[in-house]
Amino acid sequence: MTVVVKWTGREAAALGKALRLSIRGYAARLGVNPATVVKWRGQRGHEIELMPETAEMLDEVLRRCDPEAVSTFTALLSADRPAEASPVAEADVGIPLGPARVVSHKFIPVYLGASVEALLAGAEECRLGPGGLEHRVLPGAHPDAAASRLYVYPCGVATFHLVQPRVVNRLGELAAWRYRSYVTDLAWATAELHGRLAAAGAPAVAGATYVLSAYLLEESPWAGEQLETAVQVLTTPSVVVDREHPDGPTALGSAVEQGLLQNGYAHPDAIAFGSQPVSIGLAGWSGVAYHPLAADRALPMDAIVALELDVQALWALSTYVLDEIEAGRDPVMSHEAYGWRWLRGAYSRLTAARPQETAQHQLMREAVLATSQLPDRLRAAQEALRESST
């Protein structure tokens, strides 16, 4: 458990940054004047010793922090410590931050309902994925992707898949690009779909609302525990980014990454599916990261992509069903064939082990499903459709 012996403005400011709170948001949470937080963040913040009641309040806030925020808090303090008070240990010197070669896979699903028919006619057939969902594919047109495709599911969903190789000098640089590009990618996906539907004479639909990332770490300077930490940061990137920065998501200082790589970092909600010494793999709420250690025995990235395509299509579909129920409306499926029985079959195919499935495939599938919480959503959507059909 992280304990602060003496709270100064420096520690108080670091805690607010670790919680990703703005100056006003942090002040409101603590019940202090925003000007006080500004002083804490100033160059002489380490000289401001806090009153006992404020220190007790910050102790309680720190105790309630999740492990990710605590790790960020510790790293920020290490990065901001005055040199004369705590010189950098020799072990911290020379830890490489990059470069790393990463292939980013983004998935942007959109529920289209019956409008999906307008896109199916010109699409090519695809091999079924792990969920056994029928789908077709169209070429994409993303301006910043080495490859982009639009997968169209007759159940009413279209999913963009973008492949974007990146060479980065720091993990924070990649994380900041990830969050910044999400904004433009969502706008692009919405405009692209609306344009295709309009050209086919179909009505417009709601826009894209989220992006999920899967990273293949191809090359890096890390090994051992540092490599495992790097894959963890790829899975949970918010630990190296200030998402509340006035200029938009911005990478935290190099010392933050140095601290994480030196001390290690593991998010409790991320689930490992790698198999040493074959691979390192992690699945989390915000994405997946994978690094093959033995290329001839590791999972092909295509296997992760195939699973995520089906998972994201079913997530978008179940979200539509549950949103309609919450709004007091009966869901209208793209075709009567895609009712609760069809969802039950999809749930069974995704969650049941297959005789031909390798241990690595099974671990990957179970980790992705657990962190996405898709099984619970599918069961809820299935029950909602069954009730609305009676």
Protein backbone atom coordinates (compact mmCIF):
# COMPACT_ATOMS: atom_id res chain seq x y z
CA MET A 1 0.00 0.00 0.00
CA THR A 2 1.37 3.44 -0.95
CA VAL A 3 1.69 5.79 2.02
CA VAL A 4 2.68 9.47 1.97
CA VAL A 5 4.57 10.40 5.14
CA LYS A 6 4.48 14.14 4.49
CA TRP A 7 1.94 15.79 2.19
CA THR A 8 3.18 18.88 0.38
CA GLY A 9 1.74 20.66 -2.62
CA ARG A 10 3.91 18.43 -4.80
CA GLU A 11 2.30 15.18 -3.61
CA ALA A 12 -1.18 16.71 -3.66
CA ALA A 13 -0.72 17.90 -7.26
CA ALA A 14 0.61 14.50 -8.35
CA LEU A 15 -2.44 12.75 -6.89
CA GLY A 16 -4.78 15.01 -8.84
CA LYS A 17 -2.89 14.31 -12.07
CA ALA A 18 -2.91 10.56 -11.38
CA LEU A 19 -6.71 10.71 -11.02
CA ARG A 20 -6.92 12.51 -14.41
CA LEU A 21 -8.81 15.41 -12.81
CA SER A 22 -8.80 18.98 -14.06
CA ILE A 23 -7.85 21.76 -11.66
CA ARG A 24 -11.49 22.63 -11.04
CA GLY A 25 -12.56 18.98 -10.84
CA TYR A 26 -9.85 18.16 -8.31
CA ALA A 27 -10.65 21.27 -6.24
CA ALA A 28 -14.35 20.34 -6.20
CA ARG A 29 -13.59 16.79 -5.08
CA LEU A 30 -11.45 18.03 -2.18
CA GLY A 31 -13.61 21.04 -1.35
CA VAL A 32 -10.79 23.53 -1.79
CA ASN A 33 -10.37 26.66 -3.88
CA PRO A 34 -9.06 26.02 -7.43
CA ALA A 35 -6.37 28.62 -6.73
CA THR A 36 -5.03 26.27 -4.04
CA VAL A 37 -4.60 23.47 -6.60
CA VAL A 38 -2.84 25.92 -8.94
CA LYS A 39 -0.36 26.72 -6.13
CA TRP A 40 0.23 23.00 -5.50
CA ARG A 41 1.08 22.58 -9.18
CA GLY A 42 3.49 25.52 -9.15
CA GLN A 43 7.27 25.23 -9.24
CA ARG A 44 7.46 25.76 -5.46
CA GLY A 45 4.69 23.29 -4.64
CA HIS A 46 7.13 21.07 -2.73
CA GLU A 47 7.61 23.91 -0.24
CA ILE A 48 3.90 24.04 0.69
CA GLU A 49 3.26 21.79 3.70
CA LEU A 50 -0.42 20.90 3.98
CA MET A 51 -2.56 21.23 7.08
CA PRO A 52 -3.26 17.97 9.00
CA GLU A 53 -6.95 17.91 8.02
CA THR A 54 -6.05 18.30 4.33
CA ALA A 55 -3.41 15.58 4.64
CA GLU A 56 -5.96 13.20 6.20
CA MET A 57 -8.38 13.91 3.40
CA LEU A 58 -5.71 13.16 0.79
CA ASP A 59 -4.78 9.95 2.66
CA GLU A 60 -8.37 8.81 2.27
CA VAL A 61 -8.46 9.74 -1.43
CA LEU A 62 -5.25 7.79 -2.02
CA ARG A 63 -6.61 4.74 -0.16
CA ARG A 64 -9.61 4.70 -2.49
CA CYS A 65 -7.51 4.92 -5.68
CA ASP A 66 -7.41 1.97 -8.05
CA PRO A 67 -4.00 0.31 -8.69
CA GLU A 68 -3.55 2.11 -12.01
CA ALA A 69 -3.92 5.54 -10.40
CA VAL A 70 -1.57 4.54 -7.57
CA SER A 71 1.07 3.42 -10.09
CA THR A 72 0.75 6.71 -11.97
CA PHE A 73 0.94 8.67 -8.69
CA THR A 74 4.15 6.88 -7.69
CA ALA A 75 5.69 7.38 -11.12
CA LEU A 76 4.80 11.08 -11.15
CA LEU A 77 6.44 11.60 -7.76
CA SER A 78 9.56 9.80 -8.95
CA ALA A 79 9.68 11.96 -12.08
CA ASP A 80 9.12 15.24 -10.21
CA ARG A 81 11.40 14.67 -7.22
CA PRO A 82 13.97 17.48 -6.80
CA ALA A 83 17.37 16.21 -7.92
CA GLU A 84 19.16 17.33 -4.74
CA ALA A 85 16.64 15.52 -2.52
CA SER A 86 16.65 12.19 -4.33
CA PRO A 87 19.19 11.54 -7.07
CA VAL A 88 18.26 9.03 -9.74
CA ALA A 89 19.40 5.58 -8.80
CA GLU A 90 21.94 3.92 -11.06
CA ALA A 91 19.45 1.13 -11.82
CA ASP A 92 17.09 3.69 -13.35
CA VAL A 93 19.70 5.02 -15.75
CA GLY A 94 19.77 3.64 -19.27
CA ILE A 95 16.38 1.92 -19.36
CA PRO A 96 15.43 2.27 -23.04
CA LEU A 97 12.05 3.78 -23.84
CA GLY A 98 12.16 2.78 -27.49
CA PRO A 99 12.08 2.59 -30.37
CA ALA A 100 9.34 -0.01 -30.72
CA ARG A 101 7.65 -1.31 -33.84
CA VAL A 102 3.94 -1.84 -33.31
CA VAL A 103 1.08 -2.77 -35.61
CA SER A 104 -2.15 -1.13 -34.45
CA HIS A 105 -5.44 -2.85 -35.27
CA LYS A 106 -8.53 -0.73 -34.65
CA PHE A 107 -12.12 -1.98 -34.68
CA ILE A 108 -14.97 0.51 -35.14
CA PRO A 109 -18.41 -1.18 -35.05
CA VAL A 110 -21.67 0.58 -35.93
CA TYR A 111 -25.19 -0.82 -35.67
CA LEU A 112 -27.02 -0.26 -38.99
CA GLY A 113 -30.13 -2.40 -38.60
CA ALA A 114 -31.99 -3.01 -41.86
CA SER A 115 -29.79 -0.42 -43.65
CA VAL A 116 -27.04 -3.04 -43.71
CA GLU A 117 -28.77 -4.61 -46.74
CA ALA A 118 -27.61 -1.67 -48.86
CA LEU A 119 -23.98 -2.66 -48.29
CA LEU A 120 -24.23 -6.42 -48.62
CA ALA A 121 -24.83 -6.64 -52.37
CA GLY A 122 -21.38 -5.50 -53.45
CA ALA A 123 -19.41 -7.18 -50.66
CA GLU A 124 -17.31 -10.33 -50.95
CA GLU A 125 -17.88 -13.43 -48.83
CA CYS A 126 -15.62 -14.14 -45.84
CA ARG A 127 -14.71 -17.22 -43.89
CA LEU A 128 -16.67 -17.57 -40.65
CA GLY A 129 -14.93 -16.44 -37.47
CA PRO A 130 -15.02 -18.02 -33.97
CA GLY A 131 -18.55 -16.76 -33.37
CA GLY A 132 -19.80 -18.34 -36.59
CA LEU A 133 -21.26 -15.01 -37.73
CA GLU A 134 -21.97 -14.69 -41.42
CA HIS A 135 -20.33 -11.58 -42.83
CA ARG A 136 -18.95 -10.01 -45.99
CA VAL A 137 -16.14 -7.54 -46.66
CA LEU A 138 -15.70 -4.32 -48.61
CA PRO A 139 -12.47 -2.38 -49.20
CA GLY A 140 -12.00 0.55 -46.85
CA ALA A 141 -10.72 4.02 -47.65
CA HIS A 142 -8.99 5.25 -44.50
CA PRO A 143 -6.36 7.90 -45.37
CA ASP A 144 -3.87 6.88 -42.66
CA ALA A 145 -4.04 3.08 -42.72
CA ALA A 146 -1.84 0.55 -44.49
CA ALA A 147 -4.99 -1.54 -44.86
CA SER A 148 -8.63 -0.84 -44.07
CA ARG A 149 -11.70 -3.00 -44.55
CA LEU A 150 -15.40 -2.76 -43.81
CA TYR A 151 -16.94 -6.01 -42.56
CA VAL A 152 -20.71 -6.17 -43.05
CA TYR A 153 -22.86 -8.49 -40.95
CA PRO A 154 -26.42 -9.37 -42.10
CA CYS A 155 -27.45 -9.24 -38.42
CA GLY A 156 -27.26 -5.46 -38.78
CA VAL A 157 -23.70 -4.40 -37.94
CA ALA A 158 -20.81 -2.95 -39.95
CA THR A 159 -17.29 -2.95 -38.48
CA PHE A 160 -14.29 -1.05 -39.81
CA HIS A 161 -10.91 -2.74 -39.32
CA LEU A 162 -7.90 -0.42 -39.66
CA VAL A 163 -4.29 -1.64 -39.77
CA GLN A 164 -1.74 1.09 -38.91
CA PRO A 165 1.94 0.16 -38.40
CA ARG A 166 3.76 2.58 -36.12
CA VAL A 167 7.37 3.07 -35.02
CA VAL A 168 7.49 5.02 -31.75
CA ASN A 169 10.26 6.24 -29.50
CA ARG A 170 8.12 6.04 -26.36
CA LEU A 171 5.01 4.16 -25.28
CA GLY A 172 3.46 7.46 -24.18
CA GLU A 173 3.83 8.74 -27.72
CA LEU A 174 1.85 5.76 -29.01
CA ALA A 175 -0.79 6.12 -26.28
CA ALA A 176 -1.31 9.82 -27.02
CA TRP A 177 -1.66 9.06 -30.74
CA ARG A 178 -4.16 6.35 -29.88
CA TYR A 179 -6.47 8.67 -27.94
CA ARG A 180 -6.10 11.57 -30.37
CA SER A 181 -6.72 9.43 -33.45
CA TYR A 182 -9.86 7.92 -31.91
CA VAL A 183 -11.59 11.28 -32.32
CA THR A 184 -10.77 11.59 -36.01
CA ASP A 185 -11.36 7.88 -36.67
CA LEU A 186 -14.89 8.04 -35.25
CA ALA A 187 -15.72 11.07 -37.36
CA TRP A 188 -14.22 9.39 -40.44
CA ALA A 189 -16.14 6.12 -39.87
CA THR A 190 -19.44 7.98 -39.43
CA ALA A 191 -18.93 10.07 -42.58
CA GLU A 192 -17.76 7.04 -44.58
CA LEU A 193 -20.80 4.97 -43.62
CA HIS A 194 -23.25 7.80 -44.22
CA GLY A 195 -21.71 8.38 -47.65
CA ARG A 196 -21.95 4.71 -48.62
CA LEU A 197 -25.54 4.45 -47.41
CA ALA A 198 -26.55 7.64 -49.21
CA ALA A 199 -24.99 6.37 -52.44
CA ALA A 200 -27.06 3.18 -52.10
CA GLY A 201 -30.25 5.13 -51.36
CA ALA A 202 -30.45 3.88 -47.78
CA PRO A 203 -31.32 6.07 -44.78
CA ALA A 204 -28.57 7.40 -42.53
CA VAL A 205 -27.97 5.76 -39.15
CA ALA A 206 -26.44 6.78 -35.84
CA GLY A 207 -22.70 7.41 -35.94
CA ALA A 208 -19.77 5.38 -34.62
CA THR A 209 -19.35 5.68 -30.86
CA TYR A 210 -16.22 3.78 -29.85
CA VAL A 211 -12.94 2.25 -31.04
CA LEU A 212 -11.23 -0.85 -29.68
CA SER A 213 -7.51 -1.40 -30.25
CA ALA A 214 -5.41 -4.54 -30.54
CA TYR A 215 -1.62 -4.16 -30.73
CA LEU A 216 0.98 -6.51 -32.13
CA LEU A 217 4.36 -5.59 -30.64
CA GLU A 218 6.76 -6.72 -33.36
CA GLU A 219 10.10 -5.31 -32.17
CA SER A 220 11.30 -3.52 -29.03
CA PRO A 221 14.42 -2.96 -26.92
CA TRP A 222 12.93 -4.69 -23.85
CA ALA A 223 13.27 -8.15 -22.37
CA GLY A 224 12.10 -10.01 -19.30
CA GLU A 225 10.02 -8.05 -16.79
CA GLN A 226 10.47 -4.80 -18.71
CA LEU A 227 8.95 -6.42 -21.79
CA GLU A 228 6.01 -7.70 -19.75
CA THR A 229 5.48 -4.20 -18.33
CA ALA A 230 5.60 -2.68 -21.82
CA VAL A 231 2.90 -5.08 -23.05
CA GLN A 232 0.83 -4.17 -19.98
CA VAL A 233 1.15 -0.45 -20.80
CA LEU A 234 0.06 -1.17 -24.39
CA THR A 235 -3.06 -2.83 -22.96
CA THR A 236 -3.87 -0.05 -20.45
CA PRO A 237 -2.38 3.10 -22.05
CA SER A 238 -3.98 5.70 -19.77
CA VAL A 239 -1.17 5.16 -17.25
CA VAL A 240 1.27 7.08 -19.49
CA VAL A 241 -1.07 9.80 -20.78
CA ASP A 242 -2.60 12.96 -19.36
CA ARG A 243 -6.03 12.79 -20.98
CA GLU A 244 -7.17 16.05 -19.36
CA HIS A 245 -4.38 18.20 -20.80
CA PRO A 246 -5.73 21.47 -22.28
CA ASP A 247 -4.11 20.61 -25.63
CA GLY A 248 -5.65 17.15 -25.72
CA PRO A 249 -4.26 13.74 -24.66
CA THR A 250 -0.53 14.23 -24.01
CA ALA A 251 2.20 11.76 -23.06
CA LEU A 252 3.44 12.05 -19.50
CA GLY A 253 7.16 12.65 -18.95
CA SER A 254 9.84 10.14 -19.87
CA ALA A 255 10.56 9.58 -16.17
CA VAL A 256 7.05 8.14 -15.74
CA GLU A 257 7.82 5.42 -18.27
CA GLN A 258 11.26 4.91 -16.74
CA GLY A 259 9.61 4.36 -13.37
CA LEU A 260 7.05 1.91 -14.71
CA LEU A 261 9.65 -0.11 -16.61
CA GLN A 262 11.98 -0.13 -13.61
CA ASN A 263 9.42 -0.97 -10.92
CA GLY A 264 6.94 -2.99 -12.98
CA TYR A 265 3.26 -2.37 -13.52
CA ALA A 266 0.26 -4.67 -13.73
CA HIS A 267 -3.39 -3.66 -13.92
CA PRO A 268 -5.55 -6.02 -11.85
CA ASP A 269 -8.31 -6.14 -14.47
CA ALA A 270 -6.04 -7.19 -17.34
CA ILE A 271 -6.00 -10.92 -18.05
CA ALA A 272 -2.90 -12.69 -19.39
CA PHE A 273 -3.29 -15.21 -22.19
CA GLY A 274 0.31 -15.62 -23.33
CA SER A 275 2.21 -18.83 -22.86
CA GLN A 276 5.85 -18.44 -21.84
CA PRO A 277 8.25 -18.92 -23.58
CA VAL A 278 5.99 -18.71 -26.65
CA SER A 279 4.31 -15.33 -26.25
CA ILE A 280 3.14 -12.50 -24.00
CA GLY A 281 -0.52 -11.57 -24.37
CA LEU A 282 -2.87 -9.40 -22.33
CA ALA A 283 -6.52 -8.47 -22.72
CA GLY A 284 -8.11 -5.51 -20.97
CA TRP A 285 -11.21 -3.36 -21.17
CA SER A 286 -9.57 -0.90 -23.54
CA GLY A 287 -7.83 -3.38 -25.80
CA VAL A 288 -5.48 -6.27 -26.42
CA ALA A 289 -1.70 -6.42 -26.74
CA TYR A 290 0.34 -9.36 -28.01
CA HIS A 291 4.03 -10.08 -28.48
CA PRO A 292 5.27 -13.38 -29.96
CA LEU A 293 8.45 -14.72 -28.38
CA ALA A 294 8.62 -17.79 -30.60
CA ALA A 295 7.11 -16.78 -33.94
CA ASP A 296 6.71 -20.36 -35.19
CA ARG A 297 4.59 -21.37 -32.19
CA ALA A 298 2.81 -18.14 -31.26
CA LEU A 299 -0.74 -17.22 -32.22
CA PRO A 300 -1.06 -15.50 -35.59
CA MET A 301 -2.45 -11.98 -35.21
CA ASP A 302 -5.17 -13.02 -37.65
CA ALA A 303 -6.64 -15.23 -34.90
CA ILE A 304 -6.98 -12.27 -32.53
CA VAL A 305 -8.44 -10.12 -35.31
CA ALA A 306 -11.00 -12.77 -36.25
CA LEU A 307 -12.20 -13.07 -32.66
CA GLU A 308 -12.38 -9.30 -32.12
CA LEU A 309 -14.39 -8.81 -35.32
CA ASP A 310 -17.09 -11.19 -34.05
CA VAL A 311 -16.90 -9.87 -30.48
CA GLN A 312 -17.27 -6.24 -31.55
CA ALA A 313 -20.13 -7.04 -33.94
CA LEU A 314 -22.02 -8.81 -31.16
CA TRP A 315 -21.21 -6.01 -28.71
CA ALA A 316 -22.74 -3.44 -31.08
CA LEU A 317 -25.80 -5.63 -31.67
CA SER A 318 -26.41 -6.37 -27.98
CA THR A 319 -25.91 -2.68 -27.15
CA TYR A 320 -28.64 -1.76 -29.62
CA VAL A 321 -31.03 -4.32 -28.09
CA LEU A 322 -30.38 -3.23 -24.50
CA ASP A 323 -30.56 0.48 -25.36
CA GLU A 324 -33.95 -0.03 -27.01
CA ILE A 325 -35.27 -1.93 -24.00
CA GLU A 326 -34.04 0.79 -21.61
CA ALA A 327 -35.79 3.40 -23.78
CA GLY A 328 -39.08 1.49 -23.47
CA ARG A 329 -39.11 0.27 -27.09
CA ASP A 330 -39.12 -3.21 -28.58
CA PRO A 331 -35.94 -3.88 -30.58
CA VAL A 332 -36.46 -4.24 -34.34
CA MET A 333 -33.89 -6.64 -35.77
CA SER A 334 -32.58 -6.42 -39.33
CA HIS A 335 -34.30 -9.74 -40.09
CA GLU A 336 -36.52 -12.07 -38.09
CA ALA A 337 -33.82 -14.74 -38.30
CA TYR A 338 -31.66 -12.73 -35.90
CA GLY A 339 -33.76 -13.14 -32.78
CA TRP A 340 -33.01 -14.55 -29.36
CA ARG A 341 -32.38 -18.09 -30.66
CA TRP A 342 -29.72 -16.78 -33.03
CA LEU A 343 -28.09 -14.87 -30.16
CA ARG A 344 -28.17 -18.03 -28.06
CA GLY A 345 -26.29 -19.88 -30.79
CA ALA A 346 -23.71 -17.10 -31.11
CA TYR A 347 -23.20 -17.13 -27.34
CA SER A 348 -22.68 -20.90 -27.35
CA ARG A 349 -20.19 -20.80 -30.23
CA LEU A 350 -18.12 -18.08 -28.60
CA THR A 351 -18.00 -19.54 -25.11
CA ALA A 352 -17.72 -23.28 -25.77
CA ALA A 353 -14.28 -24.85 -26.27
CA ARG A 354 -13.63 -26.52 -29.61
CA PRO A 355 -11.83 -29.90 -30.02
CA GLN A 356 -9.44 -28.40 -32.63
CA GLU A 357 -8.72 -25.33 -30.52
CA THR A 358 -5.19 -24.97 -29.13
CA ALA A 359 -4.55 -23.99 -25.52
CA GLN A 360 -3.34 -20.57 -26.66
CA HIS A 361 -6.53 -19.98 -28.66
CA GLN A 362 -8.65 -20.98 -25.69
CA LEU A 363 -6.78 -18.71 -23.28
CA MET A 364 -7.00 -15.79 -25.71
CA ARG A 365 -10.72 -16.31 -26.31
CA GLU A 366 -11.50 -16.59 -22.60
CA ALA A 367 -9.44 -13.47 -21.76
CA VAL A 368 -11.07 -11.34 -24.46
CA LEU A 369 -14.58 -12.45 -23.53
CA ALA A 370 -14.00 -11.91 -19.80
CA THR A 371 -12.57 -8.40 -20.18
CA SER A 372 -15.17 -7.33 -22.76
CA GLN A 373 -18.03 -8.59 -20.55
CA LEU A 374 -19.73 -9.67 -23.77
CA PRO A 375 -21.20 -12.95 -22.40
CA ASP A 376 -23.24 -11.07 -19.78
CA ARG A 377 -24.50 -8.61 -22.40
CA LEU A 378 -25.42 -11.40 -24.80
CA ARG A 379 -27.41 -13.20 -22.12
CA ALA A 380 -29.23 -9.98 -21.21
CA ALA A 381 -29.96 -9.18 -24.88
CA GLN A 382 -31.11 -12.72 -25.51
CA GLU A 383 -33.57 -12.55 -22.62
CA ALA A 384 -34.81 -9.13 -23.72
CA LEU A 385 -35.49 -10.36 -27.26
CA ARG A 386 -37.26 -13.45 -25.95
CA GLU A 387 -39.54 -11.33 -23.75
CA SER A 388 -40.30 -8.82 -26.49
CA SER A 389 -41.26 -11.62 -28.91
CA THR A 390 -43.88 -13.14 -26.57
